[in-house]
Amino acid sequence: MPDVFPVLVEEGLAEPVALVVGVHGDVELAGLFVDEPSAFEEWARVQSQPARPDSAGYQTFLASGCAACHAIDGTAAQGRVGPDLTHVGSRASIAAGMFPNEPEWLAAWLRSPDSMKPGALMPDLNLSEGRVTALVRMLEGLR
């Protein structure tokens, strides 16, 4: 599982900067995000709130076994093997930064994680298209 943590860079810069580093195996990915102070404060406030998943997608999440590995704060899903998905919809990427966090990429990942990222720890759950659609809708809504 990647370790992801925000680091606030020195004060006095023209704009507040947050560096987010993800480490997955021997690959390190980094992203630099620059926000106005008010936008950064709003982002931090939202990130500290529990998630509110839509009920149909959340029921699919539970029934498909996703909660065994993934957590969503504010819900019964408290798995710690895979990434925390509390605000996954607000992330720029998925799969430790390998793909953009867009519905078509997320759906492809849910259909066959190992074909997109060989050696992925996430199992192929053989999800029906209906379940993939419900999960994508729920995950994209977790902002």
Protein backbone atom coordinates (compact mmCIF):
# COMPACT_ATOMS: atom_id res chain seq x y z
CA MET A 1 0.00 0.00 0.00
CA PRO A 2 1.41 3.43 -0.86
CA ASP A 3 2.27 5.78 1.97
CA VAL A 4 0.83 9.17 1.09
CA PHE A 5 1.40 12.24 3.22
CA PRO A 6 1.12 16.00 2.75
CA VAL A 7 4.09 18.20 3.54
CA LEU A 8 3.68 21.96 3.84
CA VAL A 9 6.69 23.68 2.37
CA GLU A 10 8.32 26.72 3.97
CA GLU A 11 6.30 29.85 4.67
CA GLY A 12 6.97 33.02 2.77
CA LEU A 13 6.45 31.57 -0.68
CA ALA A 14 4.25 33.51 -3.05
CA GLU A 15 1.61 30.77 -2.80
CA PRO A 16 1.07 28.00 -0.25
CA VAL A 17 2.44 24.73 -1.58
CA ALA A 18 1.60 21.16 -0.61
CA LEU A 19 3.84 18.33 -1.75
CA VAL A 20 2.19 14.93 -1.86
CA VAL A 21 4.51 11.95 -2.16
CA GLY A 22 3.33 8.41 -2.83
CA VAL A 23 5.60 5.41 -2.47
CA HIS A 24 4.59 2.08 -3.98
CA GLY A 25 7.21 -0.64 -3.87
CA ASP A 26 10.35 0.84 -5.40
CA VAL A 27 8.46 3.55 -7.30
CA GLU A 28 8.09 7.03 -5.82
CA LEU A 29 5.57 9.42 -7.33
CA ALA A 30 5.19 13.05 -6.36
CA GLY A 31 2.75 15.81 -7.16
CA LEU A 32 2.97 19.48 -6.40
CA PHE A 33 -0.24 21.41 -5.81
CA VAL A 34 -0.35 25.19 -5.47
CA ASP A 35 -3.48 26.82 -4.04
CA GLU A 36 -4.60 30.14 -2.73
CA PRO A 37 -4.67 30.04 1.10
CA SER A 38 -8.48 30.01 1.21
CA ALA A 39 -8.68 27.14 -1.31
CA PHE A 40 -6.10 25.13 0.64
CA GLU A 41 -7.96 25.73 3.92
CA GLU A 42 -11.23 24.60 2.31
CA TRP A 43 -9.55 21.49 0.92
CA ALA A 44 -8.12 20.65 4.36
CA ARG A 45 -11.54 21.22 5.98
CA VAL A 46 -13.31 18.92 3.51
CA GLN A 47 -10.64 16.24 3.85
CA SER A 48 -11.16 16.14 7.62
CA GLN A 49 -14.88 15.33 7.22
CA PRO A 50 -16.25 11.78 7.07
CA ALA A 51 -17.41 10.56 3.68
CA ARG A 52 -21.06 10.32 2.62
CA PRO A 53 -21.25 7.55 0.02
CA ASP A 54 -24.43 7.12 -2.03
CA SER A 55 -26.41 4.18 -0.70
CA ALA A 56 -26.61 2.04 -3.87
CA GLY A 57 -22.89 2.23 -4.52
CA TYR A 58 -22.06 1.71 -0.87
CA GLN A 59 -24.22 -1.43 -0.72
CA THR A 60 -22.34 -2.72 -3.78
CA PHE A 61 -19.06 -1.82 -2.06
CA LEU A 62 -20.03 -3.90 0.98
CA ALA A 63 -21.54 -6.80 -0.98
CA SER A 64 -18.49 -7.06 -3.26
CA GLY A 65 -16.10 -7.37 -0.32
CA CYS A 66 -14.34 -4.05 -0.89
CA ALA A 67 -14.63 -3.10 2.80
CA ALA A 68 -12.39 -6.03 3.74
CA CYS A 69 -9.43 -4.09 2.34
CA HIS A 70 -10.52 -0.44 2.10
CA ALA A 71 -11.65 2.12 4.66
CA ILE A 72 -14.15 4.95 4.17
CA ASP A 73 -14.19 7.16 7.26
CA GLY A 74 -17.63 7.62 8.75
CA THR A 75 -18.80 4.18 7.56
CA ALA A 76 -18.45 0.55 8.63
CA ALA A 77 -15.76 0.08 5.96
CA GLN A 78 -12.54 0.04 7.98
CA GLY A 79 -10.16 -2.24 6.00
CA ARG A 80 -6.50 -1.29 6.15
CA VAL A 81 -4.92 -3.47 3.46
CA GLY A 82 -5.69 -1.18 0.51
CA PRO A 83 -5.79 2.61 0.24
CA ASP A 84 -8.24 4.62 2.32
CA LEU A 85 -11.00 5.70 -0.07
CA THR A 86 -12.64 8.37 2.11
CA HIS A 87 -12.13 11.21 -0.38
CA VAL A 88 -10.95 9.25 -3.41
CA GLY A 89 -13.17 11.30 -5.74
CA SER A 90 -11.09 14.41 -5.03
CA ARG A 91 -7.78 12.77 -5.93
CA ALA A 92 -6.03 13.53 -9.20
CA SER A 93 -5.04 9.92 -9.83
CA ILE A 94 -5.64 6.28 -8.93
CA ALA A 95 -3.42 3.18 -8.67
CA ALA A 96 -0.59 4.99 -6.86
CA GLY A 97 -0.57 7.79 -9.44
CA MET A 98 -0.48 5.61 -12.54
CA PHE A 99 -3.83 6.67 -14.06
CA PRO A 100 -6.00 9.80 -13.99
CA ASN A 101 -8.94 9.67 -11.62
CA GLU A 102 -11.60 9.76 -14.31
CA PRO A 103 -14.68 7.50 -14.50
CA GLU A 104 -13.46 5.47 -17.50
CA TRP A 105 -10.07 4.80 -15.87
CA LEU A 106 -11.65 3.93 -12.54
CA ALA A 107 -14.07 1.53 -14.26
CA ALA A 108 -11.20 -0.14 -16.14
CA TRP A 109 -9.28 -0.49 -12.87
CA LEU A 110 -12.27 -2.10 -11.13
CA ARG A 111 -12.79 -4.51 -14.03
CA SER A 112 -9.21 -5.80 -14.13
CA PRO A 113 -6.61 -4.21 -11.83
CA ASP A 114 -3.82 -6.67 -12.67
CA SER A 115 -4.10 -6.07 -16.42
CA MET A 116 -3.64 -2.34 -15.84
CA LYS A 117 -0.91 -2.65 -13.23
CA PRO A 118 0.78 -6.07 -13.26
CA GLY A 119 1.38 -7.27 -9.73
CA ALA A 120 -1.40 -5.11 -8.28
CA LEU A 121 -2.47 -6.33 -4.87
CA MET A 122 -6.12 -5.60 -5.60
CA PRO A 123 -7.83 -8.81 -6.74
CA ASP A 124 -10.02 -9.08 -9.81
CA LEU A 125 -13.48 -9.41 -8.26
CA ASN A 126 -15.22 -10.33 -11.54
CA LEU A 127 -17.68 -7.47 -11.08
CA SER A 128 -20.71 -7.17 -13.32
CA GLU A 129 -21.01 -3.96 -15.36
CA GLY A 130 -23.86 -2.89 -13.09
CA ARG A 131 -21.62 -3.22 -10.02
CA VAL A 132 -18.75 -1.42 -11.75
CA THR A 133 -21.09 1.46 -12.65
CA ALA A 134 -22.46 1.67 -9.08
CA LEU A 135 -18.96 1.62 -7.59
CA VAL A 136 -17.61 4.25 -9.99
CA ARG A 137 -20.55 6.55 -9.20
CA MET A 138 -20.01 6.12 -5.46
CA LEU A 139 -16.22 6.50 -5.55
CA GLU A 140 -16.36 9.57 -7.81
CA GLY A 141 -18.84 11.11 -5.34
CA LEU A 142 -16.45 10.69 -2.40
CA ARG A 143 -15.02 14.17 -2.50
